[in-house]
Amino acid sequence: MRIAVIGGLDRAARELEEVARAAGHELDTHTGVIAGKATSTSLRALVIWSDLVLVLTDVNSHNAVRLARQVARAHHRPLRILRRLGPSHLAAYLQAMLAERPLLRVAA
């Protein structure tokens, strides 16, 4: 499964990617900063690419949250809004999703 994390701290991105990879998923991040057309275009592309979008509100711009919600709704992508997300939270979330829907396993 392809997971997008929008917002949050840059320093946590590598740890989140490692947790997702260990669970057989692919994760990409966006800082949530929308300063120009290129950054908003990359956010749109990331949401469209993803099978699951996690939007973090603790460190994020209001416009990034709004844009991610609009694009996810338009392209029928599941979106979860979270205050913050650490590696242990992501691991627990992926484990809970797998328990609910075992077909989410990705072939390695």
PDB file of N, CA and C in Angstrom:
ATOM      1  N   MET A   1       0.850  -1.159   0.000  1.00  0.00           N
ATOM      2  CA  MET A   1       0.000   0.000   0.000  1.00  0.00           C
ATOM      3  C   MET A   1       0.906   1.236   0.000  1.00  0.00           C
ATOM      4  N   ARG A   2       0.477   2.258  -0.722  1.00  0.00           N
ATOM      5  CA  ARG A   2       1.221   3.518  -0.781  1.00  0.00           C
ATOM      6  C   ARG A   2       0.597   4.504   0.195  1.00  0.00           C
ATOM      7  N   ILE A   3       1.408   5.018   1.091  1.00  0.00           N
ATOM      8  CA  ILE A   3       0.940   5.899   2.157  1.00  0.00           C
ATOM      9  C   ILE A   3       1.580   7.267   1.993  1.00  0.00           C
ATOM     10  N   ALA A   4       0.775   8.310   2.095  1.00  0.00           N
ATOM     11  CA  ALA A   4       1.277   9.689   2.076  1.00  0.00           C
ATOM     12  C   ALA A   4       1.107  10.276   3.462  1.00  0.00           C
ATOM     13  N   VAL A   5       2.158  10.924   3.946  1.00  0.00           N
ATOM     14  CA  VAL A   5       2.094  11.652   5.204  1.00  0.00           C
ATOM     15  C   VAL A   5       2.334  13.119   4.865  1.00  0.00           C
ATOM     16  N   ILE A   6       1.340  13.947   5.168  1.00  0.00           N
ATOM     17  CA  ILE A   6       1.418  15.369   4.843  1.00  0.00           C
ATOM     18  C   ILE A   6       1.501  16.150   6.140  1.00  0.00           C
ATOM     19  N   GLY A   7       2.578  16.929   6.269  1.00  0.00           N
ATOM     20  CA  GLY A   7       2.801  17.701   7.482  1.00  0.00           C
ATOM     21  C   GLY A   7       3.746  16.968   8.405  1.00  0.00           C
ATOM     22  N   GLY A   8       3.914  17.522   9.590  1.00  0.00           N
ATOM     23  CA  GLY A   8       4.807  16.898  10.563  1.00  0.00           C
ATOM     24  C   GLY A   8       6.227  17.394  10.422  1.00  0.00           C
ATOM     25  N   LEU A   9       7.103  16.820  11.198  1.00  0.00           N
ATOM     26  CA  LEU A   9       8.500  17.229  11.231  1.00  0.00           C
ATOM     27  C   LEU A   9       9.324  16.454  10.213  1.00  0.00           C
ATOM     28  N   ASP A  10      10.210  17.157   9.529  1.00  0.00           N
ATOM     29  CA  ASP A  10      11.070  16.515   8.527  1.00  0.00           C
ATOM     30  C   ASP A  10      11.942  15.426   9.133  1.00  0.00           C
ATOM     31  N   ARG A  11      12.382  15.638  10.361  1.00  0.00           N
ATOM     32  CA  ARG A  11      13.325  14.691  10.969  1.00  0.00           C
ATOM     33  C   ARG A  11      12.695  13.325  11.251  1.00  0.00           C
ATOM     34  N   ALA A  12      11.377  13.244  11.284  1.00  0.00           N
ATOM     35  CA  ALA A  12      10.702  11.971  11.536  1.00  0.00           C
ATOM     36  C   ALA A  12      10.452  11.175  10.260  1.00  0.00           C
ATOM     37  N   ALA A  13      10.639  11.794   9.107  1.00  0.00           N
ATOM     38  CA  ALA A  13      10.279  11.160   7.833  1.00  0.00           C
ATOM     39  C   ALA A  13      11.017   9.837   7.611  1.00  0.00           C
ATOM     40  N   ARG A  14      12.317   9.824   7.866  1.00  0.00           N
ATOM     41  CA  ARG A  14      13.099   8.605   7.610  1.00  0.00           C
ATOM     42  C   ARG A  14      12.617   7.457   8.490  1.00  0.00           C
ATOM     43  N   GLU A  15      12.347   7.729   9.766  1.00  0.00           N
ATOM     44  CA  GLU A  15      11.869   6.682  10.678  1.00  0.00           C
ATOM     45  C   GLU A  15      10.499   6.160  10.240  1.00  0.00           C
ATOM     46  N   LEU A  16       9.619   7.058   9.812  1.00  0.00           N
ATOM     47  CA  LEU A  16       8.295   6.634   9.343  1.00  0.00           C
ATOM     48  C   LEU A  16       8.428   5.753   8.100  1.00  0.00           C
ATOM     49  N   GLU A  17       9.314   6.137   7.186  1.00  0.00           N
ATOM     50  CA  GLU A  17       9.536   5.332   5.979  1.00  0.00           C
ATOM     51  C   GLU A  17      10.045   3.939   6.320  1.00  0.00           C
ATOM     52  N   GLU A  18      10.931   3.844   7.302  1.00  0.00           N
ATOM     53  CA  GLU A  18      11.466   2.541   7.708  1.00  0.00           C
ATOM     54  C   GLU A  18      10.376   1.654   8.312  1.00  0.00           C
ATOM     55  N   VAL A  19       9.499   2.239   9.129  1.00  0.00           N
ATOM     56  CA  VAL A  19       8.390   1.476   9.731  1.00  0.00           C
ATOM     57  C   VAL A  19       7.466   0.962   8.636  1.00  0.00           C
ATOM     58  N   ALA A  20       7.132   1.824   7.687  1.00  0.00           N
ATOM     59  CA  ALA A  20       6.238   1.417   6.600  1.00  0.00           C
ATOM     60  C   ALA A  20       6.883   0.331   5.743  1.00  0.00           C
ATOM     61  N   ARG A  21       8.156   0.501   5.427  1.00  0.00           N
ATOM     62  CA  ARG A  21       8.857  -0.486   4.606  1.00  0.00           C
ATOM     63  C   ARG A  21       8.915  -1.834   5.308  1.00  0.00           C
ATOM     64  N   ALA A  22       9.133  -1.825   6.618  1.00  0.00           N
ATOM     65  CA  ALA A  22       9.184  -3.073   7.385  1.00  0.00           C
ATOM     66  C   ALA A  22       7.847  -3.797   7.366  1.00  0.00           C
ATOM     67  N   ALA A  23       6.763  -3.045   7.239  1.00  0.00           N
ATOM     68  CA  ALA A  23       5.427  -3.644   7.178  1.00  0.00           C
ATOM     69  C   ALA A  23       5.005  -3.961   5.742  1.00  0.00           C
ATOM     70  N   GLY A  24       5.891  -3.699   4.767  1.00  0.00           N
ATOM     71  CA  GLY A  24       5.593  -4.019   3.378  1.00  0.00           C
ATOM     72  C   GLY A  24       4.862  -2.926   2.630  1.00  0.00           C
ATOM     73  N   HIS A  25       4.954  -1.696   3.107  1.00  0.00           N
ATOM     74  CA  HIS A  25       4.276  -0.570   2.476  1.00  0.00           C
ATOM     75  C   HIS A  25       5.300   0.442   1.987  1.00  0.00           C
ATOM     76  N   GLU A  26       4.840   1.328   1.140  1.00  0.00           N
ATOM     77  CA  GLU A  26       5.675   2.401   0.613  1.00  0.00           C
ATOM     78  C   GLU A  26       5.137   3.717   1.154  1.00  0.00           C
ATOM     79  N   LEU A  27       6.007   4.562   1.710  1.00  0.00           N
ATOM     80  CA  LEU A  27       5.577   5.805   2.329  1.00  0.00           C
ATOM     81  C   LEU A  27       6.355   6.970   1.736  1.00  0.00           C
ATOM     82  N   ASP A  28       5.633   8.052   1.468  1.00  0.00           N
ATOM     83  CA  ASP A  28       6.263   9.281   1.001  1.00  0.00           C
ATOM     84  C   ASP A  28       5.703  10.430   1.824  1.00  0.00           C
ATOM     85  N   THR A  29       6.490  11.490   1.978  1.00  0.00           N
ATOM     86  CA  THR A  29       6.085  12.600   2.837  1.00  0.00           C
ATOM     87  C   THR A  29       6.072  13.917   2.078  1.00  0.00           C
ATOM     88  N   HIS A  30       5.311  14.856   2.612  1.00  0.00           N
ATOM     89  CA  HIS A  30       5.275  16.240   2.135  1.00  0.00           C
ATOM     90  C   HIS A  30       5.258  17.109   3.376  1.00  0.00           C
ATOM     91  N   THR A  31       6.035  18.173   3.374  1.00  0.00           N
ATOM     92  CA  THR A  31       6.149  19.000   4.570  1.00  0.00           C
ATOM     93  C   THR A  31       4.858  19.724   4.931  1.00  0.00           C
ATOM     94  N   GLY A  32       3.977  19.920   3.974  1.00  0.00           N
ATOM     95  CA  GLY A  32       2.761  20.681   4.231  1.00  0.00           C
ATOM     96  C   GLY A  32       2.924  22.156   3.962  1.00  0.00           C
ATOM     97  N   VAL A  33       4.114  22.557   3.553  1.00  0.00           N
ATOM     98  CA  VAL A  33       4.356  23.961   3.209  1.00  0.00           C
ATOM     99  C   VAL A  33       3.960  24.162   1.751  1.00  0.00           C
ATOM    100  N   ILE A  34       3.038  25.092   1.536  1.00  0.00           N
ATOM    101  CA  ILE A  34       2.596  25.393   0.173  1.00  0.00           C
ATOM    102  C   ILE A  34       2.956  26.847  -0.101  1.00  0.00           C
ATOM    103  N   ALA A  35       4.168  27.049  -0.626  1.00  0.00           N
ATOM    104  CA  ALA A  35       4.659  28.405  -0.863  1.00  0.00           C
ATOM    105  C   ALA A  35       4.473  28.831  -2.319  1.00  0.00           C
ATOM    106  N   GLY A  36       4.235  27.884  -3.201  1.00  0.00           N
ATOM    107  CA  GLY A  36       4.098  28.220  -4.614  1.00  0.00           C
ATOM    108  C   GLY A  36       3.405  27.113  -5.372  1.00  0.00           C
ATOM    109  N   LYS A  37       3.334  27.296  -6.668  1.00  0.00           N
ATOM    110  CA  LYS A  37       2.634  26.335  -7.516  1.00  0.00           C
ATOM    111  C   LYS A  37       3.294  24.954  -7.503  1.00  0.00           C
ATOM    112  N   ALA A  38       4.620  24.916  -7.459  1.00  0.00           N
ATOM    113  CA  ALA A  38       5.327  23.629  -7.487  1.00  0.00           C
ATOM    114  C   ALA A  38       5.013  22.796  -6.253  1.00  0.00           C
ATOM    115  N   THR A  39       4.975  23.424  -5.079  1.00  0.00           N
ATOM    116  CA  THR A  39       4.721  22.657  -3.868  1.00  0.00           C
ATOM    117  C   THR A  39       3.271  22.199  -3.786  1.00  0.00           C
ATOM    118  N   SER A  40       2.333  23.007  -4.263  1.00  0.00           N
ATOM    119  CA  SER A  40       0.938  22.558  -4.252  1.00  0.00           C
ATOM    120  C   SER A  40       0.727  21.459  -5.285  1.00  0.00           C
ATOM    121  N   THR A  41       1.431  21.537  -6.408  1.00  0.00           N
ATOM    122  CA  THR A  41       1.333  20.485  -7.422  1.00  0.00           C
ATOM    123  C   THR A  41       1.907  19.172  -6.887  1.00  0.00           C
ATOM    124  N   SER A  42       3.017  19.245  -6.156  1.00  0.00           N
ATOM    125  CA  SER A  42       3.599  18.018  -5.612  1.00  0.00           C
ATOM    126  C   SER A  42       2.690  17.415  -4.538  1.00  0.00           C
ATOM    127  N   LEU A  43       2.007  18.250  -3.770  1.00  0.00           N
ATOM    128  CA  LEU A  43       1.069  17.726  -2.775  1.00  0.00           C
ATOM    129  C   LEU A  43      -0.096  17.021  -3.460  1.00  0.00           C
ATOM    130  N   ARG A  44      -0.634  17.645  -4.505  1.00  0.00           N
ATOM    131  CA  ARG A  44      -1.728  17.012  -5.269  1.00  0.00           C
ATOM    132  C   ARG A  44      -1.288  15.655  -5.824  1.00  0.00           C
ATOM    133  N   ALA A  45      -0.106  15.618  -6.433  1.00  0.00           N
ATOM    134  CA  ALA A  45       0.403  14.375  -7.029  1.00  0.00           C
ATOM    135  C   ALA A  45       0.586  13.293  -5.972  1.00  0.00           C
ATOM    136  N   LEU A  46       1.067  13.686  -4.806  1.00  0.00           N
ATOM    137  CA  LEU A  46       1.278  12.725  -3.727  1.00  0.00           C
ATOM    138  C   LEU A  46      -0.044  12.115  -3.261  1.00  0.00           C
ATOM    139  N   VAL A  47      -1.066  12.938  -3.119  1.00  0.00           N
ATOM    140  CA  VAL A  47      -2.374  12.434  -2.688  1.00  0.00           C
ATOM    141  C   VAL A  47      -2.959  11.500  -3.746  1.00  0.00           C
ATOM    142  N   ILE A  48      -2.839  11.865  -5.002  1.00  0.00           N
ATOM    143  CA  ILE A  48      -3.372  11.022  -6.080  1.00  0.00           C
ATOM    144  C   ILE A  48      -2.619   9.694  -6.143  1.00  0.00           C
ATOM    145  N   TRP A  49      -1.311   9.708  -5.897  1.00  0.00           N
ATOM    146  CA  TRP A  49      -0.464   8.503  -5.932  1.00  0.00           C
ATOM    147  C   TRP A  49      -0.802   7.539  -4.802  1.00  0.00           C
ATOM    148  N   SER A  50      -1.307   8.047  -3.699  1.00  0.00           N
ATOM    149  CA  SER A  50      -1.429   7.274  -2.465  1.00  0.00           C
ATOM    150  C   SER A  50      -2.693   6.436  -2.398  1.00  0.00           C
ATOM    151  N   ASP A  51      -2.590   5.357  -1.620  1.00  0.00           N
ATOM    152  CA  ASP A  51      -3.750   4.542  -1.279  1.00  0.00           C
ATOM    153  C   ASP A  51      -4.334   4.979   0.064  1.00  0.00           C
ATOM    154  N   LEU A  52      -3.538   5.670   0.870  1.00  0.00           N
ATOM    155  CA  LEU A  52      -3.959   6.183   2.175  1.00  0.00           C
ATOM    156  C   LEU A  52      -3.225   7.490   2.428  1.00  0.00           C
ATOM    157  N   VAL A  53      -3.975   8.511   2.851  1.00  0.00           N
ATOM    158  CA  VAL A  53      -3.387   9.821   3.124  1.00  0.00           C
ATOM    159  C   VAL A  53      -3.540  10.116   4.609  1.00  0.00           C
ATOM    160  N   LEU A  54      -2.414  10.400   5.274  1.00  0.00           N
ATOM    161  CA  LEU A  54      -2.409  10.787   6.678  1.00  0.00           C
ATOM    162  C   LEU A  54      -1.991  12.251   6.744  1.00  0.00           C
ATOM    163  N   VAL A  55      -2.876  13.103   7.249  1.00  0.00           N
ATOM    164  CA  VAL A  55      -2.605  14.534   7.341  1.00  0.00           C
ATOM    165  C   VAL A  55      -2.370  14.870   8.811  1.00  0.00           C
ATOM    166  N   LEU A  56      -1.207  15.422   9.093  1.00  0.00           N
ATOM    167  CA  LEU A  56      -0.850  15.789  10.456  1.00  0.00           C
ATOM    168  C   LEU A  56      -1.112  17.276  10.645  1.00  0.00           C
ATOM    169  N   THR A  57      -1.793  17.625  11.722  1.00  0.00           N
ATOM    170  CA  THR A  57      -2.188  19.020  11.930  1.00  0.00           C
ATOM    171  C   THR A  57      -1.287  19.779  12.885  1.00  0.00           C
ATOM    172  N   ASP A  58      -0.470  19.097  13.657  1.00  0.00           N
ATOM    173  CA  ASP A  58       0.361  19.781  14.648  1.00  0.00           C
ATOM    174  C   ASP A  58       1.368  20.717  13.977  1.00  0.00           C
ATOM    175  N   VAL A  59       2.037  20.242  12.945  1.00  0.00           N
ATOM    176  CA  VAL A  59       2.967  21.070  12.171  1.00  0.00           C
ATOM    177  C   VAL A  59       2.534  20.976  10.713  1.00  0.00           C
ATOM    178  N   ASN A  60       1.675  21.926  10.294  1.00  0.00           N
ATOM    179  CA  ASN A  60       1.147  21.906   8.941  1.00  0.00           C
ATOM    180  C   ASN A  60       0.448  23.231   8.679  1.00  0.00           C
ATOM    181  N   SER A  61       0.319  23.594   7.418  1.00  0.00           N
ATOM    182  CA  SER A  61      -0.409  24.812   7.088  1.00  0.00           C
ATOM    183  C   SER A  61      -1.887  24.484   6.874  1.00  0.00           C
ATOM    184  N   HIS A  62      -2.725  25.456   7.150  1.00  0.00           N
ATOM    185  CA  HIS A  62      -4.164  25.252   6.956  1.00  0.00           C
ATOM    186  C   HIS A  62      -4.473  24.983   5.487  1.00  0.00           C
ATOM    187  N   ASN A  63      -3.766  25.655   4.593  1.00  0.00           N
ATOM    188  CA  ASN A  63      -4.006  25.447   3.166  1.00  0.00           C
ATOM    189  C   ASN A  63      -3.619  24.044   2.724  1.00  0.00           C
ATOM    190  N   ALA A  64      -2.562  23.489   3.300  1.00  0.00           N
ATOM    191  CA  ALA A  64      -2.160  22.124   2.943  1.00  0.00           C
ATOM    192  C   ALA A  64      -3.209  21.120   3.398  1.00  0.00           C
ATOM    193  N   VAL A  65      -3.757  21.307   4.584  1.00  0.00           N
ATOM    194  CA  VAL A  65      -4.814  20.422   5.082  1.00  0.00           C
ATOM    195  C   VAL A  65      -6.032  20.515   4.172  1.00  0.00           C
ATOM    196  N   ARG A  66      -6.416  21.739   3.839  1.00  0.00           N
ATOM    197  CA  ARG A  66      -7.585  21.951   2.976  1.00  0.00           C
ATOM    198  C   ARG A  66      -7.374  21.329   1.603  1.00  0.00           C
ATOM    199  N   LEU A  67      -6.203  21.572   1.005  1.00  0.00           N
ATOM    200  CA  LEU A  67      -5.918  21.034  -0.323  1.00  0.00           C
ATOM    201  C   LEU A  67      -5.882  19.505  -0.308  1.00  0.00           C
ATOM    202  N   ALA A  68      -5.242  18.911   0.688  1.00  0.00           N
ATOM    203  CA  ALA A  68      -5.184  17.451   0.780  1.00  0.00           C
ATOM    204  C   ALA A  68      -6.582  16.859   0.901  1.00  0.00           C
ATOM    205  N   ARG A  69      -7.435  17.481   1.708  1.00  0.00           N
ATOM    206  CA  ARG A  69      -8.813  16.984   1.854  1.00  0.00           C
ATOM    207  C   ARG A  69      -9.577  17.065   0.545  1.00  0.00           C
ATOM    208  N   GLN A  70      -9.426  18.179  -0.175  1.00  0.00           N
ATOM    209  CA  GLN A  70     -10.132  18.347  -1.452  1.00  0.00           C
ATOM    210  C   GLN A  70      -9.686  17.314  -2.481  1.00  0.00           C
ATOM    211  N   VAL A  71      -8.376  17.145  -2.617  1.00  0.00           N
ATOM    212  CA  VAL A  71      -7.851  16.206  -3.617  1.00  0.00           C
ATOM    213  C   VAL A  71      -8.203  14.772  -3.239  1.00  0.00           C
ATOM    214  N   ALA A  72      -8.101  14.429  -1.960  1.00  0.00           N
ATOM    215  CA  ALA A  72      -8.450  13.072  -1.522  1.00  0.00           C
ATOM    216  C   ALA A  72      -9.919  12.780  -1.787  1.00  0.00           C
ATOM    217  N   ARG A  73     -10.773  13.730  -1.516  1.00  0.00           N
ATOM    218  CA  ARG A  73     -12.209  13.554  -1.761  1.00  0.00           C
ATOM    219  C   ARG A  73     -12.480  13.394  -3.257  1.00  0.00           C
ATOM    220  N   ALA A  74     -11.841  14.225  -4.075  1.00  0.00           N
ATOM    221  CA  ALA A  74     -12.065  14.180  -5.527  1.00  0.00           C
ATOM    222  C   ALA A  74     -11.577  12.875  -6.147  1.00  0.00           C
ATOM    223  N   HIS A  75     -10.522  12.285  -5.576  1.00  0.00           N
ATOM    224  CA  HIS A  75      -9.946  11.061  -6.146  1.00  0.00           C
ATOM    225  C   HIS A  75     -10.249   9.820  -5.307  1.00  0.00           C
ATOM    226  N   HIS A  76     -11.179   9.950  -4.381  1.00  0.00           N
ATOM    227  CA  HIS A  76     -11.651   8.824  -3.562  1.00  0.00           C
ATOM    228  C   HIS A  76     -10.512   8.117  -2.821  1.00  0.00           C
ATOM    229  N   ARG A  77      -9.660   8.915  -2.182  1.00  0.00           N
ATOM    230  CA  ARG A  77      -8.574   8.369  -1.376  1.00  0.00           C
ATOM    231  C   ARG A  77      -8.945   8.467   0.094  1.00  0.00           C
ATOM    232  N   PRO A  78      -8.777   7.406   0.855  1.00  0.00           N
ATOM    233  CA  PRO A  78      -9.056   7.497   2.297  1.00  0.00           C
ATOM    234  C   PRO A  78      -8.074   8.460   2.963  1.00  0.00           C
ATOM    235  N   LEU A  79      -8.593   9.322   3.818  1.00  0.00           N
ATOM    236  CA  LEU A  79      -7.796  10.348   4.467  1.00  0.00           C
ATOM    237  C   LEU A  79      -8.057  10.307   5.960  1.00  0.00           C
ATOM    238  N   ARG A  80      -6.994  10.346   6.739  1.00  0.00           N
ATOM    239  CA  ARG A  80      -7.108  10.390   8.195  1.00  0.00           C
ATOM    240  C   ARG A  80      -6.395  11.645   8.669  1.00  0.00           C
ATOM    241  N   ILE A  81      -7.059  12.412   9.501  1.00  0.00           N
ATOM    242  CA  ILE A  81      -6.454  13.605  10.066  1.00  0.00           C
ATOM    243  C   ILE A  81      -6.020  13.281  11.488  1.00  0.00           C
ATOM    244  N   LEU A  82      -4.728  13.481  11.748  1.00  0.00           N
ATOM    245  CA  LEU A  82      -4.129  13.166  13.037  1.00  0.00           C
ATOM    246  C   LEU A  82      -3.389  14.400  13.543  1.00  0.00           C
ATOM    247  N   ARG A  83      -3.327  14.541  14.841  1.00  0.00           N
ATOM    248  CA  ARG A  83      -2.593  15.680  15.395  1.00  0.00           C
ATOM    249  C   ARG A  83      -1.097  15.523  15.148  1.00  0.00           C
ATOM    250  N   ARG A  84      -0.571  14.344  15.450  1.00  0.00           N
ATOM    251  CA  ARG A  84       0.837  14.050  15.198  1.00  0.00           C
ATOM    252  C   ARG A  84       0.988  12.549  14.978  1.00  0.00           C
ATOM    253  N   LEU A  85       2.147  12.153  14.459  1.00  0.00           N
ATOM    254  CA  LEU A  85       2.364  10.746  14.137  1.00  0.00           C
ATOM    255  C   LEU A  85       3.834  10.415  14.344  1.00  0.00           C
ATOM    256  N   GLY A  86       4.097   9.458  15.214  1.00  0.00           N
ATOM    257  CA  GLY A  86       5.454   8.973  15.431  1.00  0.00           C
ATOM    258  C   GLY A  86       5.591   7.570  14.883  1.00  0.00           C
ATOM    259  N   PRO A  87       6.790   7.047  14.842  1.00  0.00           N
ATOM    260  CA  PRO A  87       7.007   5.701  14.313  1.00  0.00           C
ATOM    261  C   PRO A  87       6.185   4.630  15.028  1.00  0.00           C
ATOM    262  N   SER A  88       6.094   4.698  16.352  1.00  0.00           N
ATOM    263  CA  SER A  88       5.318   3.687  17.074  1.00  0.00           C
ATOM    264  C   SER A  88       3.829   3.818  16.788  1.00  0.00           C
ATOM    265  N   HIS A  89       3.353   5.055  16.621  1.00  0.00           N
ATOM    266  CA  HIS A  89       1.943   5.257  16.272  1.00  0.00           C
ATOM    267  C   HIS A  89       1.637   4.703  14.886  1.00  0.00           C
ATOM    268  N   LEU A  90       2.555   4.952  13.936  1.00  0.00           N
ATOM    269  CA  LEU A  90       2.359   4.438  12.581  1.00  0.00           C
ATOM    270  C   LEU A  90       2.352   2.914  12.582  1.00  0.00           C
ATOM    271  N   ALA A  91       3.271   2.296  13.300  1.00  0.00           N
ATOM    272  CA  ALA A  91       3.322   0.833  13.362  1.00  0.00           C
ATOM    273  C   ALA A  91       2.036   0.272  13.937  1.00  0.00           C
ATOM    274  N   ALA A  92       1.527   0.892  14.999  1.00  0.00           N
ATOM    275  CA  ALA A  92       0.281   0.425  15.605  1.00  0.00           C
ATOM    276  C   ALA A  92      -0.891   0.627  14.658  1.00  0.00           C
ATOM    277  N   TYR A  93      -0.918   1.742  13.946  1.00  0.00           N
ATOM    278  CA  TYR A  93      -2.001   2.016  13.004  1.00  0.00           C
ATOM    279  C   TYR A  93      -1.989   0.999  11.861  1.00  0.00           C
ATOM    280  N   LEU A  94      -0.815   0.708  11.320  1.00  0.00           N
ATOM    281  CA  LEU A  94      -0.726  -0.265  10.234  1.00  0.00           C
ATOM    282  C   LEU A  94      -1.109  -1.662  10.712  1.00  0.00           C
ATOM    283  N   GLN A  95      -0.713  -2.006  11.921  1.00  0.00           N
ATOM    284  CA  GLN A  95      -1.072  -3.311  12.479  1.00  0.00           C
ATOM    285  C   GLN A  95      -2.583  -3.421  12.655  1.00  0.00           C
ATOM    286  N   ALA A  96      -3.216  -2.364  13.142  1.00  0.00           N
ATOM    287  CA  ALA A  96      -4.667  -2.369  13.332  1.00  0.00           C
ATOM    288  C   ALA A  96      -5.398  -2.457  11.996  1.00  0.00           C
ATOM    289  N   MET A  97      -4.879  -1.750  10.980  1.00  0.00           N
ATOM    290  CA  MET A  97      -5.502  -1.822   9.654  1.00  0.00           C
ATOM    291  C   MET A  97      -5.385  -3.216   9.079  1.00  0.00           C
ATOM    292  N   LEU A  98      -4.247  -3.843   9.264  1.00  0.00           N
ATOM    293  CA  LEU A  98      -4.028  -5.187   8.746  1.00  0.00           C
ATOM    294  C   LEU A  98      -4.950  -6.191   9.429  1.00  0.00           C
ATOM    295  N   ALA A  99      -5.188  -6.006  10.718  1.00  0.00           N
ATOM    296  CA  ALA A  99      -6.078  -6.896  11.450  1.00  0.00           C
ATOM    297  C   ALA A  99      -7.517  -6.757  10.955  1.00  0.00           C
ATOM    298  N   GLU A 100      -7.908  -5.530  10.601  1.00  0.00           N
ATOM    299  CA  GLU A 100      -9.267  -5.296  10.108  1.00  0.00           C
ATOM    300  C   GLU A 100      -9.433  -5.754   8.666  1.00  0.00           C
ATOM    301  N   ARG A 101      -8.402  -5.506   7.843  1.00  0.00           N
ATOM    302  CA  ARG A 101      -8.504  -5.780   6.416  1.00  0.00           C
ATOM    303  C   ARG A 101      -7.248  -6.511   5.950  1.00  0.00           C
ATOM    304  N   PRO A 102      -7.206  -7.813   6.060  1.00  0.00           N
ATOM    305  CA  PRO A 102      -5.991  -8.574   5.723  1.00  0.00           C
ATOM    306  C   PRO A 102      -5.580  -8.479   4.253  1.00  0.00           C
ATOM    307  N   LEU A 103      -6.456  -8.001   3.380  1.00  0.00           N
ATOM    308  CA  LEU A 103      -6.102  -7.890   1.970  1.00  0.00           C
ATOM    309  C   LEU A 103      -5.185  -6.708   1.696  1.00  0.00           C
ATOM    310  N   LEU A 104      -4.864  -5.906   2.699  1.00  0.00           N
ATOM    311  CA  LEU A 104      -3.986  -4.758   2.519  1.00  0.00           C
ATOM    312  C   LEU A 104      -2.517  -5.154   2.472  1.00  0.00           C
ATOM    313  N   ARG A 105      -2.216  -6.415   2.649  1.00  0.00           N
ATOM    314  CA  ARG A 105      -0.818  -6.863   2.568  1.00  0.00           C
ATOM    315  C   ARG A 105      -0.289  -6.614   1.170  1.00  0.00           C
ATOM    316  N   VAL A 106       0.934  -6.174   1.116  1.00  0.00           N
ATOM    317  CA  VAL A 106       1.580  -5.890  -0.156  1.00  0.00           C
ATOM    318  C   VAL A 106       2.671  -6.918  -0.365  1.00  0.00           C
ATOM    319  N   ALA A 107       2.722  -7.485  -1.558  1.00  0.00           N
ATOM    320  CA  ALA A 107       3.759  -8.460  -1.861  1.00  0.00           C
ATOM    321  C   ALA A 107       5.122  -7.766  -1.898  1.00  0.00           C
ATOM    322  N   ALA A 108       6.091  -8.357  -1.250  1.00  0.00           N
ATOM    323  CA  ALA A 108       7.419  -7.727  -1.187  1.00  0.00           C
ATOM    324  C   ALA A 108       8.263  -8.134  -2.368  1.00  0.00           C
TER     325      ALA A 108
END
